[in-house]
Protein backbone atom coordinates (compact mmCIF):
# COMPACT_ATOMS: atom_id res chain seq x y z
CA UNK A 1 8.44 -17.93 -13.33
CA UNK A 2 9.30 -14.22 -13.54
CA UNK A 3 9.43 -12.42 -10.19
CA UNK A 4 9.24 -8.79 -9.07
CA UNK A 5 10.30 -7.54 -5.63
CA UNK A 6 7.99 -4.81 -4.31
CA UNK A 7 8.58 -2.47 -1.37
CA UNK A 8 5.95 -0.98 0.98
CA UNK A 9 5.19 2.67 1.71
CA UNK A 10 3.77 4.71 4.55
CA UNK A 11 1.00 2.95 6.45
CA UNK A 12 2.87 -0.37 6.69
CA UNK A 13 4.77 0.63 9.85
CA UNK A 14 4.13 -0.83 13.30
CA UNK A 15 5.84 -0.95 16.69
CA UNK A 16 8.21 -3.92 16.78
CA UNK A 17 9.00 -3.75 13.07
CA UNK A 18 12.40 -5.28 12.35
CA UNK A 19 12.98 -6.40 15.95
CA UNK A 20 12.79 -10.13 15.17
CA UNK A 21 15.22 -9.60 12.29
CA UNK A 22 17.71 -7.86 14.59
CA UNK A 23 17.37 -10.60 17.20
CA UNK A 24 17.94 -13.40 14.71
CA UNK A 25 20.42 -12.04 12.16
CA UNK A 26 23.66 -10.11 12.73
CA UNK A 27 23.47 -8.66 9.21
CA UNK A 28 20.10 -7.07 10.05
CA UNK A 29 21.50 -5.62 13.29
CA UNK A 30 24.42 -4.16 11.36
CA UNK A 31 22.06 -2.56 8.82
CA UNK A 32 19.97 -0.93 11.56
CA UNK A 33 23.17 0.37 13.21
CA UNK A 34 24.28 1.86 9.88
CA UNK A 35 20.95 3.69 9.54
CA UNK A 36 21.07 4.94 13.14
CA UNK A 37 24.62 6.26 12.58
CA UNK A 38 23.68 7.94 9.29
CA UNK A 39 20.73 9.73 10.88
CA UNK A 40 22.41 10.49 14.19
CA UNK A 41 19.43 9.09 16.09
CA UNK A 42 18.34 5.81 17.65
CA UNK A 43 15.72 5.11 15.01
CA UNK A 44 15.87 1.36 15.62
CA UNK A 45 14.80 1.90 19.25
CA UNK A 46 11.75 3.81 18.03
CA UNK A 47 11.02 1.01 15.55
CA UNK A 48 11.38 -1.75 18.13
CA UNK A 49 9.80 -0.07 21.18
CA UNK A 50 7.99 3.09 20.13
CA UNK A 51 6.37 5.31 21.18
CA UNK A 52 3.96 4.97 18.30
CA UNK A 53 3.58 8.72 17.88
CA UNK A 54 7.31 9.00 17.21
CA UNK A 55 7.30 6.12 14.71
CA UNK A 56 4.35 7.70 12.91
CA UNK A 57 6.17 10.99 12.39
CA UNK A 58 6.68 11.06 8.63
CA UNK A 59 10.39 11.87 9.00
CA UNK A 60 10.83 8.66 11.04
CA UNK A 61 8.35 6.41 9.25
CA UNK A 62 10.01 6.79 5.86
CA UNK A 63 13.59 5.78 6.76
CA UNK A 64 12.27 3.13 9.17
CA UNK A 65 10.30 1.29 6.50
CA UNK A 66 13.25 1.45 4.13
CA UNK A 67 15.53 0.09 6.87
CA UNK A 68 13.36 -2.97 7.45
CA UNK A 69 13.17 -3.69 3.72
CA UNK A 70 16.95 -3.41 3.37
CA UNK A 71 17.49 -5.62 6.42
CA UNK A 72 15.39 -8.30 4.73
CA UNK A 73 17.44 -7.93 1.54
CA UNK A 74 20.67 -8.36 3.54
CA UNK A 75 19.32 -11.49 5.23
CA UNK A 76 18.16 -12.97 1.91
CA UNK A 77 21.65 -12.44 0.53
CA UNK A 78 23.59 -13.70 3.56
CA UNK A 79 21.36 -16.62 4.52
CA UNK A 80 20.08 -17.64 1.11
CA UNK A 81 22.80 -16.49 -1.24
CA UNK A 82 20.15 -14.53 -3.12
CA UNK A 83 21.40 -11.92 -5.59
CA UNK A 84 18.62 -9.61 -6.77
CA UNK A 85 19.50 -9.61 -10.51
CA UNK A 86 19.42 -13.41 -10.53
CA UNK A 87 15.93 -13.72 -9.06
CA UNK A 88 13.95 -10.58 -9.99
CA UNK A 89 13.04 -9.07 -13.35
CA UNK A 90 11.79 -5.80 -11.82
CA UNK A 91 11.63 -3.89 -8.56
CA UNK A 92 8.98 -1.35 -7.59
CA UNK A 93 7.90 0.47 -4.45
CA UNK A 94 4.88 2.40 -3.27
CA UNK A 95 5.79 6.08 -2.73
CA UNK A 96 8.77 6.01 -0.33
CA UNK A 97 9.07 2.32 -1.25
CA UNK A 98 10.50 3.44 -4.59
CA UNK A 99 13.59 4.58 -2.67
CA UNK A 100 13.78 1.12 -1.06
CA UNK A 101 13.49 -0.48 -4.50
CA UNK A 102 16.32 1.68 -5.85
CA UNK A 103 18.48 0.85 -2.84
CA UNK A 104 17.82 -2.87 -3.19
CA UNK A 105 18.83 -2.62 -6.84
CA UNK A 106 22.12 -0.92 -5.98
CA UNK A 107 21.26 2.52 -7.36
CA UNK A 108 21.48 4.11 -3.90
CA UNK A 109 23.33 3.29 -0.67
CA UNK A 110 21.17 2.49 2.37
CA UNK A 111 22.77 5.09 4.66
CA UNK A 112 22.37 7.86 2.08
CA UNK A 113 18.81 6.72 1.32
CA UNK A 114 17.94 7.03 5.01
CA UNK A 115 19.11 10.65 5.02
CA UNK A 116 17.19 11.36 1.80
CA UNK A 117 14.02 9.90 3.27
CA UNK A 118 14.45 11.85 6.51
CA UNK A 119 14.74 14.99 4.39
CA UNK A 120 11.76 13.92 2.26
CA UNK A 121 9.60 13.29 5.33
CA UNK A 122 10.50 16.63 6.89
CA UNK A 123 9.94 18.49 3.61
CA UNK A 124 6.55 16.86 3.03
CA UNK A 125 5.43 17.68 6.57
CA UNK A 126 6.59 21.30 6.35
CA UNK A 127 5.05 21.90 2.91
CA UNK A 128 1.54 22.25 4.32
CA UNK A 129 0.68 23.35 7.89
CA UNK A 130 -1.00 20.70 10.03
CA UNK A 131 -4.78 20.92 9.69
CA UNK A 132 -4.75 22.58 6.26
CA UNK A 133 -4.56 19.45 4.12
CA UNK A 134 -6.32 16.09 4.08
CA UNK A 135 -6.49 12.79 2.23
CA UNK A 136 -9.41 10.41 1.71
CA UNK A 137 -9.85 6.89 0.38
CA UNK A 138 -12.58 6.41 -2.21
CA UNK A 139 -13.67 2.79 -2.57
CA UNK A 140 -15.82 1.33 -5.31
CA UNK A 141 -15.17 3.89 -8.05
CA UNK A 142 -12.54 3.71 -10.79
CA UNK A 143 -9.77 6.21 -11.40
CA UNK A 144 -11.55 8.22 -14.09
CA UNK A 145 -14.60 8.64 -11.82
CA UNK A 146 -12.42 9.86 -8.95
CA UNK A 147 -10.48 12.23 -11.20
CA UNK A 148 -13.79 13.77 -12.31
CA UNK A 149 -14.89 14.05 -8.69
CA UNK A 150 -11.59 15.73 -7.75
CA UNK A 151 -11.99 18.26 -10.53
CA UNK A 152 -15.59 18.97 -9.52
CA UNK A 153 -14.60 19.31 -5.85
CA UNK A 154 -11.92 21.84 -6.76
CA UNK A 155 -14.45 23.83 -8.80
CA UNK A 156 -17.07 23.69 -6.03
CA UNK A 157 -14.45 24.93 -3.58
CA UNK A 158 -14.24 28.06 -5.72
CA UNK A 159 -10.77 27.39 -7.04
CA UNK A 160 -9.32 28.54 -3.73
CA UNK A 161 -8.85 24.96 -2.56
CA UNK A 162 -7.62 21.97 -4.58
CA UNK A 163 -8.23 18.22 -4.62
CA UNK A 164 -6.19 15.77 -6.71
CA UNK A 165 -6.23 12.01 -7.24
CA UNK A 166 -3.11 10.95 -5.31
CA UNK A 167 -2.89 7.15 -5.28
CA UNK A 168 -4.40 4.73 -7.81
CA UNK A 169 -3.87 1.76 -5.51
CA UNK A 170 -6.02 -0.98 -7.00
CA UNK A 171 -9.26 -1.58 -8.81
CA UNK A 172 -11.84 0.48 -6.90
CA UNK A 173 -9.39 1.99 -4.43
CA UNK A 174 -8.24 5.53 -5.20
CA UNK A 175 -6.96 8.09 -2.68
CA UNK A 176 -7.52 11.84 -3.08
CA UNK A 177 -5.41 14.58 -1.55
CA UNK A 178 -5.53 18.36 -1.15
CA UNK A 179 -7.02 21.10 1.01
CA UNK A 180 -9.31 19.67 3.69
CA UNK A 181 -12.25 21.76 2.41
CA UNK A 182 -11.98 20.36 -1.13
CA UNK A 183 -11.36 16.82 0.10
CA UNK A 184 -14.51 17.03 2.25
CA UNK A 185 -16.49 18.05 -0.85
CA UNK A 186 -14.93 15.11 -2.75
CA UNK A 187 -16.05 12.71 -0.02
CA UNK A 188 -19.64 13.96 -0.33
CA UNK A 189 -19.55 13.81 -4.14
CA UNK A 190 -18.13 10.29 -4.13
CA UNK A 191 -20.86 9.12 -1.78
CA UNK A 192 -23.51 10.71 -4.01
CA UNK A 193 -22.00 9.00 -7.07
CA UNK A 194 -22.17 5.53 -5.56
CA UNK A 195 -18.86 4.95 -3.82
CA UNK A 196 -18.97 1.98 -1.45
CA UNK A 197 -17.01 4.05 1.05
CA UNK A 198 -15.42 7.49 1.13
CA UNK A 199 -13.50 8.22 4.28
CA UNK A 200 -10.87 10.69 5.47
CA UNK A 201 -7.48 9.12 6.27
CA UNK A 202 -5.50 9.76 9.48
CA UNK A 203 -2.52 11.46 7.82
CA UNK A 204 -0.45 14.45 8.84
CA UNK A 205 -0.16 16.03 5.39
CA UNK A 206 -1.76 15.86 1.91
CA UNK A 207 0.78 13.73 0.05
CA UNK A 208 1.11 13.33 -3.74
CA UNK A 209 -0.75 16.45 -4.77
CA UNK A 210 0.21 19.90 -6.01
CA UNK A 211 0.32 21.26 -2.45
CA UNK A 212 3.57 19.31 -2.06
CA UNK A 213 5.42 21.59 -4.51
CA UNK A 214 7.70 23.07 -1.80
CA UNK A 215 8.72 19.53 -0.83
CA UNK A 216 9.42 18.66 -4.47
CA UNK A 217 11.69 21.70 -4.68
CA UNK A 218 13.54 20.61 -1.53
CA UNK A 219 14.00 17.09 -2.92
CA UNK A 220 15.29 18.44 -6.22
CA UNK A 221 18.16 20.05 -4.30
CA UNK A 222 18.80 16.94 -2.17
CA UNK A 223 18.76 14.59 -5.16
CA UNK A 224 20.99 16.87 -7.23
CA UNK A 225 23.77 16.14 -4.72
CA UNK A 226 23.06 12.39 -4.62
CA UNK A 227 25.01 9.80 -6.60
CA UNK A 228 22.47 7.58 -8.37
CA UNK A 229 23.92 4.54 -10.13
CA UNK A 230 22.39 2.36 -12.84
CA UNK A 231 20.17 -0.14 -10.96
CA UNK A 232 21.04 -3.81 -11.48
CA UNK A 233 17.32 -4.52 -11.97
CA UNK A 234 14.92 -2.14 -13.80
CA UNK A 235 12.81 0.00 -11.45
CA UNK A 236 9.13 0.61 -12.25
CA UNK A 237 8.52 4.26 -11.39
CA UNK A 238 5.41 5.47 -9.55
CA UNK A 239 4.67 8.41 -11.82
CA UNK A 240 5.08 6.64 -15.18
CA UNK A 241 4.16 3.03 -14.32
CA UNK A 242 7.04 2.00 -16.58
CA UNK A 243 10.53 0.62 -16.01
CA UNK A 244 13.68 2.71 -16.13
CA UNK A 245 17.36 2.16 -15.47
CA UNK A 246 18.58 5.64 -16.39
CA UNK A 247 20.01 7.56 -13.39
CA UNK A 248 19.11 10.99 -14.81
CA UNK A 249 15.53 9.90 -15.42
CA UNK A 250 15.33 8.29 -11.98
CA UNK A 251 16.43 11.57 -10.35
CA UNK A 252 13.74 13.51 -12.25
CA UNK A 253 11.03 10.96 -11.49
CA UNK A 254 11.81 10.99 -7.75
CA UNK A 255 11.21 14.74 -7.73
CA UNK A 256 8.03 14.40 -9.81
CA UNK A 257 6.83 11.66 -7.45
CA UNK A 258 6.41 14.11 -4.54
CA UNK A 259 3.51 15.90 -6.25
CA UNK A 260 2.55 13.19 -8.76
CA UNK A 261 0.02 10.39 -8.49
CA UNK A 262 1.25 6.96 -7.39
CA UNK A 263 0.17 4.76 -10.30
CA UNK A 264 0.39 1.49 -8.39
CA UNK A 265 -2.42 -0.35 -10.19
CA UNK A 266 -0.89 0.44 -13.57
CA UNK A 267 2.59 -0.48 -12.31
CA UNK A 268 1.42 -3.94 -11.29
CA UNK A 269 -0.35 -4.45 -14.62
CA UNK A 270 2.75 -3.23 -16.49
CA UNK A 271 4.92 -5.81 -14.74
CA UNK A 272 2.40 -8.53 -15.52
CA UNK A 273 2.43 -7.49 -19.19
CA UNK A 274 6.22 -7.90 -19.09
CA UNK A 275 5.80 -11.49 -17.95
CA UNK A 276 5.90 -11.17 -14.15
CA UNK A 277 3.89 -13.94 -12.50
CA UNK A 278 5.00 -13.56 -8.86
CA UNK A 279 5.41 -10.49 -6.65
CA UNK A 280 7.28 -10.61 -3.34
CA UNK A 281 6.67 -7.84 -0.79
CA UNK A 282 9.95 -7.10 1.00
CA UNK A 283 9.68 -5.53 4.45
CA UNK A 284 7.05 -4.55 6.98
CA UNK A 285 3.37 -5.45 6.57
CA UNK A 286 1.30 -7.04 3.84
CA UNK A 287 -0.42 -4.04 2.26
CA UNK A 288 1.03 -4.35 -1.23
CA UNK A 289 0.31 -8.06 -1.58
CA UNK A 290 -3.30 -7.30 -0.74
CA UNK A 291 -3.43 -4.64 -3.44
CA UNK A 292 -1.79 -6.95 -5.99
CA UNK A 293 -4.39 -9.65 -5.34
CA UNK A 294 -7.17 -7.11 -5.93
CA UNK A 295 -5.53 -5.92 -9.13
CA UNK A 296 -4.94 -9.38 -10.62
CA UNK A 297 -5.71 -12.63 -8.81
CA UNK A 298 -3.50 -14.60 -11.22
CA UNK A 299 -0.32 -13.01 -9.84
CA UNK A 300 1.21 -15.13 -7.09
CA UNK A 301 2.13 -13.12 -3.97
CA UNK A 302 4.57 -13.76 -1.12
CA UNK A 303 5.69 -11.69 1.86
CA UNK A 304 9.20 -11.51 3.28
CA UNK A 305 9.28 -9.51 6.47
CA UNK A 306 9.75 -12.03 9.30
CA UNK A 307 12.37 -14.76 9.83
CA UNK A 308 9.83 -17.48 8.95
CA UNK A 309 8.73 -15.67 5.78
CA UNK A 310 12.33 -15.14 4.75
CA UNK A 311 13.08 -18.83 5.28
CA UNK A 312 10.04 -19.75 3.17
CA UNK A 313 11.09 -17.41 0.36
CA UNK A 314 14.65 -18.76 0.35
CA UNK A 315 13.19 -22.24 0.08
CA UNK A 316 11.02 -21.28 -2.88
CA UNK A 317 13.77 -19.43 -4.75
CA UNK A 318 16.52 -21.97 -4.10
CA UNK A 319 13.98 -24.83 -4.33
């Protein structure tokens, strides 16, 4: 059985995330301390105790989710003797999860990744003033339909406001992003064209659209100064839905990812075409496993985010 490890993105956070790992495993506590030291803040306290508003700040959410995923990877290694290249054919992550995937595969160091993600979160938040942008989930229409709707919404908004397809999450679940005026038009158009649901999302900025260009520029500078090594497992990139192990290409794709569409559905199908039959979600929440099941029910899914789930995964792998 060929396995891929997949890493969650924004929306999978919750108060208490990682706390049971810290309480049960010294290696997880050490990882959280490393992240706190790198950032110069008590991020783990926010993760464990809140307040929720602080955890949901993009600049905190992104390194926090990565930290939990890396804590799980440390526990899998220490408690189960699991080495990523021996058990996984690919890694992939949703949006910020791509940074987690690269860190798990040894291309980046966890402390440096935390700083990158803090910078990424701040840059994405600053790129568009609060209240100017919006995102919406369109359910029940395929990607090509939503891309047409986005184009029409931009035209109806007079070209002054834009709307882009931002996340192709699964069959019949596409997220649009852009100016709130154009996104509102897209919601109405999607409803008219038979969407099961079209609803605005509670986000602080319009991610993965052309409005994020200032953030992409900021990340190009940050990544230019970052040492990216050859990953020990190929990483399936969000913007190409194909695997790469080339550090120069990875650097370029991470910049492109800020404004580019997250091609998650295609990424999952690509890994299946390469022989992957099981996908393991590493870290907080169960969002990605749910998407995988909607994309292809034949792919086996497992979660590894709690001590019990980690124990179960170690049992399956070391069987």
